[in-house]
Amino acid sequence: MSVSNAVGSARKSAVVGYLIAKGSFQETSPNLPMKIAVLCEANSANQAAVVSDPIFIPTSAQQVGQKFGYGSPAYMIARILFPLAGGGLDGIPVTFYPQAEAVGATAKVMTIQPVGIATGNATHTITIGGRTNVDSQSYDIPIVTGDTLVQISAKIANVLAAVIGCPATVTTNTYVSVLTTKWKGATADGMTVSVNTNNQAVGLSYNVATIQNGSGTPTNAVTTSLGLYGTEWNTITINSYGAVSAVMSALEAFNGRPDNTNPTGRYQGIVMKPTLAFTGTVLDDPSSISDARLDDCTIVLSPAPNSPGFAMEAAANHAFMVAKKAQNSPELDILNDKYPDMPSPLTLGSMASYDNRDLFVKKGCSTVDLVSGTYIVKDSVTTYHPIGEIPPQFAYTRDILIDWNIRYTYFLLEQENVIGKVLAKDEDSVSSQNIVKPKMWKQKLNNMFSDLTTRALIVDTAFSISSLSVSLNSTNPNRFDTVFSAKRSGVGRISATTAVMGFNFGSIN
């Protein structure tokens, strides 16, 4: 019998107590619980938090901003995972593993120089990282007739300073505004800046220039952070560093590869807690990146071709979509789903062509289309595309997540029905209830196959049942051996129809 702690056991006077306690009920969920890990940087002013708290579990973007700095890579990712407008991850846990900035890293520095004198009233808008506002705080500059260059530069500084989530600080040098990213690193080099006069120039123009590039990637710190995963199954990793070869290699070495006889890394049988590492890119054609990593199924390129936004935002968008779908409906893919919050270009570029998208996905590169100014996912794949393997077993993220869901379902049954039980032969007559026989375990797994088919994760229940082999080990009395096969369900990615048309002629008498 359970006893509530809402009222102390020593209390005697009449009172009502109700306690809300923390709980986790994922054990009863039929789906593998998603967990997101974020590898990212803090602002330069918040570097101490990285050292003092290398693992941080927030529930809001505000908490991340307070910890690692508003406008930081950590915050930019958090505001996509925890949007202010709601509709976020629905309780999927997120853990931040921040890295200290690399030794010798530099910030990106850009300048905005107005030219002319205002001849009228207008509103000019600065765009930073493809955004004209962050969390409803705009980059609008109110221009008034007669404003001088000094006054306009001061207004630019005041407006940008008022946007708490702006990725840059700004200072003024007479009539030049100097924007410096709040953090140092190669990721800072992704900051883009432009000024839109909104068709009301009123005698003004603006020169935007880069005077220092962002540089430096803390690759060794990434490896250290991956070691902190420990026994946690972080199913999804957001790699904020983009397609940096050394970082991707570190992720692949940590995660390993599935294999029939010699799995490595997190795919080892006694570990089996692998991850998918979503890695953003804004390149027009990123397929050369994936084509060079054809034997690994760790990196998932998250494309936002020609976006003025940060590559890390593309990774956060892609990971967000996959996590929510896999948490609630792992049988489905994110095919034709929209990136929730990614700055987009006027034209998509190479991926606008179906032939190119078909070529890219064959090279292990995820693809998107651009519809009404929004990125639409067409293919969500890892870089896995070994030569001669058709179809590639570990290409689509949805298929990998199905494999993991089957492992999770099996694991729960195994913990309840096998681990710690007394092993008995089928023909033994045993009175104890704490036993497991091969035929008993077979029955449980036959029901599991039926359940997986009902959940649309696999097809052909009979095939799995006929493939099942369960036996007591012949050399180790404490070992149970189980082998089975299963056919993943497919997704309607291509629909091909031939319609034969002709004319209706009258009959000839």
Protein backbone atom coordinates (compact mmCIF):
# COMPACT_ATOMS: atom_id res chain seq x y z
CA MET A 1 0.00 0.00 0.00
CA SER A 2 1.38 3.41 -0.99
CA VAL A 3 1.39 6.30 1.46
CA SER A 4 1.09 9.95 0.39
CA ASN A 5 3.66 12.46 1.62
CA ALA A 6 1.32 15.40 1.07
CA VAL A 7 0.62 15.55 4.80
CA GLY A 8 3.25 14.56 7.33
CA SER A 9 2.54 11.28 9.17
CA ALA A 10 2.87 13.04 12.54
CA ARG A 11 0.02 15.50 11.80
CA LYS A 12 -3.31 15.00 13.68
CA SER A 13 -5.45 18.11 13.10
CA ALA A 14 -7.96 18.07 10.23
CA VAL A 15 -6.39 19.27 6.98
CA VAL A 16 -6.33 18.46 3.27
CA GLY A 17 -3.02 17.98 1.50
CA TYR A 18 -2.22 17.48 -2.19
CA LEU A 19 1.31 17.04 -3.49
CA ILE A 20 2.37 17.30 -7.12
CA ALA A 21 5.48 15.15 -7.50
CA LYS A 22 7.88 14.74 -10.38
CA GLY A 23 7.29 11.59 -12.36
CA SER A 24 8.36 9.80 -15.51
CA PHE A 25 6.02 7.28 -17.10
CA GLN A 26 7.89 6.58 -20.31
CA GLU A 27 8.17 2.90 -19.37
CA THR A 28 4.52 2.44 -20.29
CA SER A 29 4.75 4.28 -23.62
CA PRO A 30 4.76 2.01 -26.66
CA ASN A 31 7.15 4.37 -28.46
CA LEU A 32 10.81 4.98 -27.80
CA PRO A 33 11.03 8.22 -25.78
CA MET A 34 12.92 10.91 -27.65
CA LYS A 35 15.70 12.81 -25.91
CA ILE A 36 17.55 15.74 -27.50
CA ALA A 37 21.16 16.68 -26.80
CA VAL A 38 22.48 20.06 -27.94
CA LEU A 39 26.17 20.69 -28.62
CA CYS A 40 26.64 24.44 -28.72
CA GLU A 41 28.48 27.58 -27.62
CA ALA A 42 27.66 30.25 -25.06
CA ASN A 43 28.27 33.96 -25.43
CA SER A 44 31.76 35.15 -24.57
CA ALA A 45 30.35 36.89 -21.50
CA ASN A 46 28.81 33.62 -20.29
CA GLN A 47 31.76 31.28 -20.68
CA ALA A 48 31.95 30.67 -16.92
CA ALA A 49 28.63 28.81 -17.08
CA VAL A 50 30.18 26.29 -19.46
CA VAL A 51 32.84 25.34 -16.95
CA SER A 52 30.61 25.32 -13.88
CA ASP A 53 27.66 23.49 -15.41
CA PRO A 54 28.61 21.30 -18.40
CA ILE A 55 25.17 19.68 -18.45
CA PHE A 56 22.06 21.87 -18.35
CA ILE A 57 18.43 20.75 -18.70
CA PRO A 58 16.10 23.70 -19.37
CA THR A 59 12.36 23.89 -19.94
CA SER A 60 12.31 27.25 -21.73
CA ALA A 61 14.39 29.39 -24.06
CA GLN A 62 14.48 32.05 -21.34
CA GLN A 63 16.39 29.73 -19.03
CA VAL A 64 18.93 29.08 -21.78
CA GLY A 65 19.27 32.80 -22.47
CA GLN A 66 19.87 33.54 -18.81
CA LYS A 67 22.44 30.76 -18.54
CA PHE A 68 24.37 30.99 -21.79
CA GLY A 69 23.45 34.45 -23.03
CA TYR A 70 20.66 35.80 -25.21
CA GLY A 71 21.60 35.74 -28.88
CA SER A 72 24.10 32.91 -28.33
CA PRO A 73 24.05 29.73 -30.44
CA ALA A 74 22.53 27.98 -27.41
CA TYR A 75 19.73 30.55 -27.29
CA MET A 76 19.07 30.53 -31.03
CA ILE A 77 18.57 26.76 -30.89
CA ALA A 78 16.48 26.96 -27.70
CA ARG A 79 14.05 29.50 -29.13
CA ILE A 80 13.27 27.03 -31.94
CA LEU A 81 12.85 24.10 -29.56
CA PHE A 82 10.88 26.16 -27.02
CA PRO A 83 8.97 28.76 -29.09
CA LEU A 84 7.35 31.61 -27.18
CA ALA A 85 4.15 31.09 -29.15
CA GLY A 86 3.84 27.52 -27.86
CA GLY A 87 3.60 24.31 -29.86
CA GLY A 88 7.04 23.16 -28.77
CA LEU A 89 8.40 19.75 -27.96
CA ASP A 90 5.48 18.61 -25.79
CA GLY A 91 7.68 17.49 -22.93
CA ILE A 92 10.53 15.88 -24.89
CA PRO A 93 13.55 16.44 -22.63
CA VAL A 94 16.43 18.56 -23.92
CA THR A 95 19.94 18.57 -22.47
CA PHE A 96 22.52 21.22 -23.34
CA TYR A 97 26.17 20.18 -23.47
CA PRO A 98 27.95 23.53 -24.04
CA GLN A 99 31.55 23.86 -25.21
CA ALA A 100 34.04 26.55 -24.21
CA GLU A 101 35.12 28.71 -27.13
CA ALA A 102 38.27 27.54 -28.90
CA VAL A 103 41.60 29.10 -28.02
CA GLY A 104 42.27 31.97 -30.40
CA ALA A 105 38.67 32.05 -31.66
CA THR A 106 37.42 35.31 -33.14
CA ALA A 107 34.03 36.98 -33.39
CA LYS A 108 32.56 38.21 -36.65
CA VAL A 109 32.61 41.98 -36.96
CA MET A 110 30.51 43.89 -39.50
CA THR A 111 29.77 47.54 -40.10
CA ILE A 112 26.72 49.47 -41.25
CA GLN A 113 27.51 52.88 -42.72
CA PRO A 114 24.59 55.14 -43.69
CA VAL A 115 25.12 57.54 -46.57
CA GLY A 116 23.16 60.79 -47.17
CA ILE A 117 20.76 62.95 -45.17
CA ALA A 118 17.16 62.01 -44.46
CA THR A 119 14.80 63.96 -46.67
CA GLY A 120 11.62 62.49 -45.22
CA ASN A 121 10.10 60.25 -42.61
CA ALA A 122 10.40 56.48 -43.11
CA THR A 123 11.02 53.15 -41.41
CA HIS A 124 14.14 51.28 -42.47
CA THR A 125 14.69 47.71 -41.35
CA ILE A 126 17.88 45.89 -40.49
CA THR A 127 17.94 42.17 -41.20
CA ILE A 128 20.32 40.06 -39.12
CA GLY A 129 20.64 36.37 -39.82
CA GLY A 130 17.67 36.60 -42.16
CA ARG A 131 15.42 37.96 -39.39
CA THR A 132 13.83 41.40 -39.11
CA ASN A 133 12.85 40.65 -35.52
CA VAL A 134 13.52 38.20 -32.73
CA ASP A 135 10.65 37.13 -30.50
CA SER A 136 8.51 40.06 -31.72
CA GLN A 137 11.23 42.65 -31.00
CA SER A 138 11.93 44.33 -34.33
CA TYR A 139 15.01 45.79 -35.96
CA ASP A 140 13.01 48.74 -37.38
CA ILE A 141 14.86 52.09 -37.50
CA PRO A 142 12.57 55.18 -37.36
CA ILE A 143 13.94 57.78 -39.77
CA VAL A 144 12.88 61.40 -39.35
CA THR A 145 13.37 64.27 -41.81
CA GLY A 146 16.74 65.89 -41.27
CA ASP A 147 18.34 62.96 -39.44
CA THR A 148 22.12 63.10 -39.80
CA LEU A 149 24.41 60.13 -40.21
CA VAL A 150 25.46 60.41 -36.57
CA GLN A 151 21.84 60.40 -35.44
CA ILE A 152 20.96 57.45 -37.67
CA SER A 153 23.92 55.44 -36.38
CA ALA A 154 22.85 56.18 -32.82
CA LYS A 155 19.34 54.95 -33.64
CA ILE A 156 20.76 51.76 -35.14
CA ALA A 157 22.73 51.11 -31.94
CA ASN A 158 19.72 51.79 -29.72
CA VAL A 159 17.36 49.58 -31.71
CA LEU A 160 19.72 46.61 -31.86
CA ALA A 161 20.57 46.91 -28.19
CA ALA A 162 16.84 46.79 -27.37
CA VAL A 163 16.42 43.38 -29.08
CA ILE A 164 17.50 41.01 -26.33
CA GLY A 165 17.87 38.03 -28.67
CA CYS A 166 20.05 39.88 -31.19
CA PRO A 167 23.18 37.81 -31.94
CA ALA A 168 25.42 40.90 -31.99
CA THR A 169 26.41 43.82 -29.82
CA VAL A 170 26.71 47.21 -31.50
CA THR A 171 28.88 50.26 -30.94
CA THR A 172 29.09 53.49 -32.93
CA ASN A 173 32.17 55.04 -34.40
CA THR A 174 31.01 58.53 -35.43
CA TYR A 175 28.59 57.54 -38.19
CA VAL A 176 29.51 53.88 -38.52
CA SER A 177 27.71 51.14 -36.54
CA VAL A 178 29.99 48.25 -35.61
CA LEU A 179 28.26 44.89 -35.03
CA THR A 180 30.20 42.17 -33.18
CA THR A 181 28.80 38.70 -32.58
CA LYS A 182 28.25 37.96 -28.91
CA TRP A 183 30.35 34.80 -29.18
CA LYS A 184 33.57 33.77 -30.88
CA GLY A 185 33.90 30.92 -33.34
CA ALA A 186 33.43 29.77 -36.90
CA THR A 187 29.69 29.54 -36.25
CA ALA A 188 29.67 33.32 -35.73
CA ASP A 189 30.80 33.72 -39.35
CA GLY A 190 27.30 32.69 -40.42
CA MET A 191 25.88 36.06 -39.35
CA THR A 192 24.49 38.01 -42.30
CA VAL A 193 23.42 41.67 -42.19
CA SER A 194 21.47 43.82 -44.63
CA VAL A 195 19.37 46.99 -44.54
CA ASN A 196 16.02 47.36 -46.29
CA THR A 197 14.72 50.88 -46.97
CA ASN A 198 11.27 49.38 -47.63
CA ASN A 199 11.00 51.35 -50.89
CA GLN A 200 11.33 54.61 -48.97
CA ALA A 201 14.99 55.55 -49.27
CA VAL A 202 14.31 59.24 -48.37
CA GLY A 203 17.82 60.19 -49.51
CA LEU A 204 19.62 57.42 -47.65
CA SER A 205 21.57 54.30 -48.54
CA TYR A 206 23.62 51.90 -46.45
CA ASN A 207 26.97 50.22 -46.96
CA VAL A 208 27.41 46.92 -45.14
CA ALA A 209 30.86 45.39 -44.84
CA THR A 210 32.66 42.58 -43.01
CA ILE A 211 35.87 43.64 -41.26
CA GLN A 212 36.57 40.41 -39.36
CA ASN A 213 35.47 36.82 -39.90
CA GLY A 214 34.45 34.47 -37.13
CA SER A 215 36.86 31.57 -36.65
CA GLY A 216 37.63 28.67 -34.33
CA THR A 217 35.87 25.39 -33.54
CA PRO A 218 36.21 23.61 -30.16
CA THR A 219 36.47 20.10 -31.63
CA ASN A 220 38.19 18.58 -28.59
CA ALA A 221 35.51 20.05 -26.33
CA VAL A 222 32.85 18.39 -28.48
CA THR A 223 34.51 15.02 -27.93
CA THR A 224 34.62 15.68 -24.18
CA SER A 225 30.92 16.58 -24.15
CA LEU A 226 29.99 13.40 -26.02
CA GLY A 227 31.66 11.46 -23.24
CA LEU A 228 29.16 13.02 -20.84
CA TYR A 229 26.27 11.21 -22.55
CA GLY A 230 27.13 8.20 -20.39
CA THR A 231 24.16 5.87 -20.03
CA GLU A 232 21.67 8.44 -21.31
CA TRP A 233 20.06 7.55 -24.61
CA ASN A 234 20.11 10.88 -26.39
CA THR A 235 18.33 9.73 -29.52
CA ILE A 236 18.84 13.08 -31.26
CA THR A 237 21.87 15.35 -31.22
CA ILE A 238 21.85 18.90 -32.54
CA ASN A 239 25.30 19.69 -33.85
CA SER A 240 25.45 23.50 -33.90
CA TYR A 241 28.88 23.55 -35.58
CA GLY A 242 27.62 22.72 -39.04
CA ALA A 243 29.49 20.63 -41.59
CA VAL A 244 32.92 20.92 -39.95
CA SER A 245 34.72 17.73 -40.92
CA ALA A 246 36.54 17.27 -37.60
CA VAL A 247 33.32 17.63 -35.61
CA MET A 248 31.42 15.24 -37.86
CA SER A 249 34.24 12.71 -37.58
CA ALA A 250 34.17 13.01 -33.78
CA LEU A 251 30.43 12.34 -33.80
CA GLU A 252 30.83 9.34 -36.11
CA ALA A 253 33.67 7.87 -34.03
CA PHE A 254 31.60 8.25 -30.86
CA ASN A 255 28.39 6.86 -32.33
CA GLY A 256 29.95 4.02 -34.32
CA ARG A 257 28.29 1.82 -36.92
CA PRO A 258 25.73 -1.01 -36.82
CA ASP A 259 27.09 -4.28 -38.11
CA ASN A 260 26.03 -7.93 -38.15
CA THR A 261 29.20 -9.14 -36.44
CA ASN A 262 31.21 -6.14 -35.22
CA PRO A 263 29.09 -3.12 -34.26
CA THR A 264 31.02 -0.19 -32.82
CA GLY A 265 30.48 2.81 -30.57
CA ARG A 266 26.94 3.37 -29.33
CA TYR A 267 25.74 0.59 -31.65
CA GLN A 268 27.55 -2.10 -29.67
CA GLY A 269 25.15 -4.74 -28.41
CA ILE A 270 25.89 -4.09 -24.75
CA VAL A 271 25.43 -0.32 -25.24
CA MET A 272 22.83 0.16 -27.99
CA LYS A 273 22.10 3.83 -27.37
CA PRO A 274 22.98 5.46 -30.71
CA THR A 275 22.11 8.96 -31.83
CA LEU A 276 21.27 10.88 -35.00
CA ALA A 277 23.39 14.04 -35.29
CA PHE A 278 21.51 16.78 -37.12
CA THR A 279 24.00 19.04 -38.84
CA GLY A 280 22.86 22.24 -40.54
CA THR A 281 24.02 23.68 -43.83
CA VAL A 282 22.97 26.68 -45.92
CA LEU A 283 25.00 25.65 -48.98
CA ASP A 284 23.25 25.57 -52.32
CA ASP A 285 24.51 22.03 -52.94
CA PRO A 286 25.74 20.24 -49.79
CA SER A 287 25.77 16.77 -51.37
CA SER A 288 29.58 16.66 -51.66
CA ILE A 289 29.71 16.73 -47.84
CA SER A 290 27.50 13.67 -47.46
CA ASP A 291 28.96 11.85 -50.44
CA ALA A 292 32.30 11.65 -48.64
CA ARG A 293 30.71 9.95 -45.59
CA LEU A 294 28.98 7.08 -47.33
CA ASP A 295 29.53 4.30 -44.74
CA ASP A 296 28.28 6.09 -41.61
CA CYS A 297 24.72 6.60 -40.42
CA THR A 298 25.34 9.25 -37.76
CA ILE A 299 25.26 12.60 -39.57
CA VAL A 300 21.94 13.91 -40.87
CA LEU A 301 22.54 16.95 -43.05
CA SER A 302 19.82 19.52 -42.39
CA PRO A 303 19.68 21.70 -45.49
CA ALA A 304 18.38 25.24 -45.77
CA PRO A 305 19.87 26.11 -49.17
CA ASN A 306 20.82 29.78 -49.60
CA SER A 307 19.17 30.78 -46.33
CA PRO A 308 20.48 34.01 -44.79
CA GLY A 309 20.00 32.35 -41.40
CA PHE A 310 22.47 30.35 -39.34
CA ALA A 311 23.20 26.73 -40.27
CA MET A 312 22.60 25.72 -36.64
CA GLU A 313 19.01 26.95 -36.95
CA ALA A 314 18.45 24.52 -39.83
CA ALA A 315 19.73 21.68 -37.63
CA ALA A 316 17.39 22.74 -34.81
CA ASN A 317 14.40 22.92 -37.16
CA HIS A 318 15.08 19.49 -38.66
CA ALA A 319 15.73 17.86 -35.27
CA PHE A 320 12.61 19.45 -33.79
CA MET A 321 10.44 17.98 -36.55
CA VAL A 322 11.92 14.48 -36.36
CA ALA A 323 11.75 14.37 -32.55
CA LYS A 324 8.07 15.30 -32.38
CA LYS A 325 7.08 12.89 -35.13
CA ALA A 326 9.10 10.01 -33.69
CA GLN A 327 7.78 10.64 -30.19
CA ASN A 328 4.14 10.49 -31.19
CA SER A 329 3.96 8.62 -34.51
CA PRO A 330 7.22 6.83 -35.30
CA GLU A 331 5.58 4.98 -38.16
CA LEU A 332 5.36 8.27 -40.06
CA ASP A 333 8.02 10.33 -41.83
CA ILE A 334 8.39 14.12 -41.90
CA LEU A 335 7.92 14.08 -45.67
CA ASN A 336 6.26 17.36 -46.76
CA ASP A 337 6.37 18.82 -43.23
CA LYS A 338 7.47 22.45 -42.83
CA TYR A 339 10.51 23.82 -41.05
CA PRO A 340 8.81 25.71 -38.20
CA ASP A 341 11.19 28.69 -37.97
CA MET A 342 13.90 29.10 -40.60
CA PRO A 343 14.74 32.27 -42.58
CA SER A 344 14.30 31.51 -46.26
CA PRO A 345 15.68 32.96 -49.50
CA LEU A 346 13.69 34.28 -52.45
CA THR A 347 14.70 31.27 -54.55
CA LEU A 348 15.80 27.79 -53.49
CA GLY A 349 18.60 27.22 -55.98
CA SER A 350 19.77 23.74 -56.97
CA MET A 351 17.28 21.82 -54.83
CA ALA A 352 14.38 23.38 -56.69
CA SER A 353 15.02 20.77 -59.38
CA TYR A 354 13.60 17.30 -58.71
CA ASP A 355 16.44 15.73 -60.69
CA ASN A 356 18.94 17.45 -58.38
CA ARG A 357 17.07 16.39 -55.25
CA ASP A 358 17.04 12.82 -56.54
CA LEU A 359 20.79 13.00 -57.12
CA PHE A 360 21.43 14.59 -53.72
CA VAL A 361 19.48 11.98 -51.74
CA LYS A 362 21.36 9.23 -53.54
CA LYS A 363 24.51 10.87 -52.17
CA GLY A 364 23.18 10.73 -48.62
CA CYS A 365 21.97 14.32 -48.43
CA SER A 366 18.59 15.32 -47.01
CA THR A 367 16.54 17.55 -49.30
CA VAL A 368 13.96 20.31 -49.07
CA ASP A 369 11.74 22.30 -51.38
CA LEU A 370 10.67 25.92 -50.99
CA VAL A 371 6.92 26.53 -51.06
CA SER A 372 5.41 29.97 -50.36
CA GLY A 373 8.61 31.05 -48.65
CA THR A 374 8.81 28.03 -46.34
CA TYR A 375 11.20 25.09 -46.46
CA ILE A 376 9.38 21.77 -46.95
CA VAL A 377 11.21 18.53 -46.17
CA LYS A 378 11.31 16.05 -49.02
CA ASP A 379 13.94 13.55 -47.81
CA SER A 380 15.30 13.10 -44.27
CA VAL A 381 18.33 10.84 -44.54
CA THR A 382 21.68 10.09 -42.97
CA THR A 383 24.84 10.17 -45.06
CA TYR A 384 24.70 6.34 -45.32
CA HIS A 385 24.83 5.16 -48.95
CA PRO A 386 27.43 2.36 -49.35
CA ILE A 387 28.39 1.50 -52.88
CA GLY A 388 26.32 -1.40 -54.18
CA GLU A 389 23.85 -1.56 -51.27
CA ILE A 390 20.39 -1.09 -52.78
CA PRO A 391 18.37 0.04 -50.97
CA PRO A 392 20.73 1.37 -48.29
CA GLN A 393 19.62 -0.11 -44.96
CA PHE A 394 20.32 2.88 -42.72
CA ALA A 395 19.54 5.82 -44.98
CA TYR A 396 16.18 7.25 -43.91
CA THR A 397 15.97 8.65 -40.39
CA ARG A 398 12.46 7.25 -40.09
CA ASP A 399 13.69 3.70 -40.79
CA ILE A 400 16.46 3.98 -38.21
CA LEU A 401 13.98 5.21 -35.62
CA ILE A 402 11.76 2.21 -36.37
CA ASP A 403 14.71 -0.08 -35.65
CA TRP A 404 15.25 1.73 -32.35
CA ASN A 405 11.56 1.49 -31.47
CA ILE A 406 11.64 -2.26 -32.01
CA ARG A 407 14.69 -2.47 -29.76
CA TYR A 408 12.88 -0.40 -27.09
CA THR A 409 9.74 -2.56 -27.22
CA TYR A 410 11.88 -5.69 -27.01
CA PHE A 411 13.91 -4.22 -24.13
CA LEU A 412 10.82 -3.59 -22.01
CA LEU A 413 9.59 -7.15 -22.55
CA GLU A 414 13.05 -8.54 -21.86
CA GLN A 415 13.39 -6.66 -18.58
CA GLU A 416 10.01 -7.91 -17.39
CA ASN A 417 10.09 -11.48 -18.61
CA VAL A 418 13.71 -12.63 -18.95
CA ILE A 419 16.20 -10.70 -16.86
CA GLY A 420 16.52 -12.21 -13.38
CA LYS A 421 14.17 -15.11 -14.15
CA VAL A 422 15.09 -18.75 -13.67
CA LEU A 423 15.81 -20.42 -17.02
CA ALA A 424 13.89 -23.64 -17.56
CA LYS A 425 13.45 -26.12 -20.39
CA ASP A 426 10.12 -26.31 -22.18
CA GLU A 427 9.49 -29.83 -20.87
CA ASP A 428 10.29 -29.01 -17.23
CA SER A 429 7.47 -29.04 -14.69
CA VAL A 430 8.16 -26.05 -12.43
CA SER A 431 5.89 -24.59 -9.75
CA SER A 432 7.71 -21.26 -9.41
CA GLN A 433 6.25 -18.29 -11.23
CA ASN A 434 9.67 -16.66 -11.59
CA ILE A 435 10.80 -18.70 -14.56
CA VAL A 436 11.13 -18.30 -18.29
CA LYS A 437 11.04 -21.09 -20.84
CA PRO A 438 11.86 -20.75 -24.55
CA LYS A 439 8.20 -21.37 -25.47
CA MET A 440 7.03 -18.75 -22.97
CA TRP A 441 9.40 -16.15 -24.41
CA LYS A 442 8.40 -17.11 -27.95
CA GLN A 443 4.77 -16.42 -27.11
CA LYS A 444 5.66 -12.99 -25.75
CA LEU A 445 7.62 -12.15 -28.88
CA ASN A 446 4.90 -13.45 -31.19
CA ASN A 447 2.56 -11.01 -29.48
CA MET A 448 5.20 -8.31 -29.87
CA PHE A 449 5.37 -8.91 -33.62
CA SER A 450 1.60 -8.59 -33.82
CA ASP A 451 1.74 -5.38 -31.81
CA LEU A 452 4.50 -3.91 -33.98
CA THR A 453 2.45 -4.70 -37.07
CA THR A 454 -0.61 -3.07 -35.53
CA ARG A 455 1.50 0.02 -34.84
CA ALA A 456 2.57 -0.02 -38.53
CA LEU A 457 6.24 -0.31 -37.63
CA ILE A 458 6.69 -3.67 -39.35
CA VAL A 459 4.79 -5.77 -41.87
CA ASP A 460 4.34 -9.52 -42.35
CA THR A 461 3.86 -10.77 -38.81
CA ALA A 462 4.01 -14.36 -40.02
CA PHE A 463 7.50 -13.79 -41.43
CA SER A 464 8.81 -12.58 -38.08
CA ILE A 465 7.12 -15.41 -36.20
CA SER A 466 8.62 -18.03 -38.53
CA SER A 467 12.06 -16.43 -38.23
CA LEU A 468 12.08 -16.54 -34.42
CA SER A 469 14.60 -18.77 -32.67
CA VAL A 470 14.81 -18.98 -28.87
CA SER A 471 17.08 -21.38 -27.02
CA LEU A 472 18.94 -22.03 -23.80
CA ASN A 473 22.64 -21.65 -24.44
CA SER A 474 24.53 -24.94 -24.69
CA THR A 475 27.67 -23.73 -22.88
CA ASN A 476 26.45 -21.00 -20.51
CA PRO A 477 23.60 -22.01 -18.17
CA ASN A 478 22.81 -18.36 -17.46
CA ARG A 479 22.35 -17.32 -21.08
CA PHE A 480 19.24 -17.05 -23.22
CA ASP A 481 19.70 -16.66 -27.02
CA THR A 482 17.09 -15.03 -29.22
CA VAL A 483 17.26 -14.35 -32.97
CA PHE A 484 14.51 -12.91 -35.15
CA SER A 485 13.96 -10.96 -38.34
CA ALA A 486 11.49 -8.21 -39.14
CA LYS A 487 10.45 -6.27 -42.22
CA ARG A 488 10.17 -2.51 -41.67
CA SER A 489 7.04 -0.92 -43.06
CA GLY A 490 7.51 1.41 -46.02
CA VAL A 491 6.36 4.97 -46.67
CA GLY A 492 4.70 6.26 -49.83
CA ARG A 493 7.54 8.44 -51.09
CA ILE A 494 6.93 7.96 -54.79
CA SER A 495 3.57 7.57 -56.51
CA ALA A 496 3.74 6.59 -60.17
CA THR A 497 0.57 6.40 -62.27
CA THR A 498 0.06 5.82 -65.98
CA ALA A 499 -3.23 7.02 -67.44
CA VAL A 500 -3.95 5.78 -70.97
CA MET A 501 -6.12 8.32 -72.84
CA GLY A 502 -7.72 8.21 -76.28
CA PHE A 503 -10.63 9.45 -78.39
CA ASN A 504 -14.07 7.94 -78.61
CA PHE A 505 -14.84 7.11 -82.24
CA GLY A 506 -18.14 5.97 -83.58
CA SER A 507 -18.56 2.37 -84.66
CA ILE A 508 -18.29 1.39 -88.31
CA ASN A 509 -21.33 -0.43 -89.64
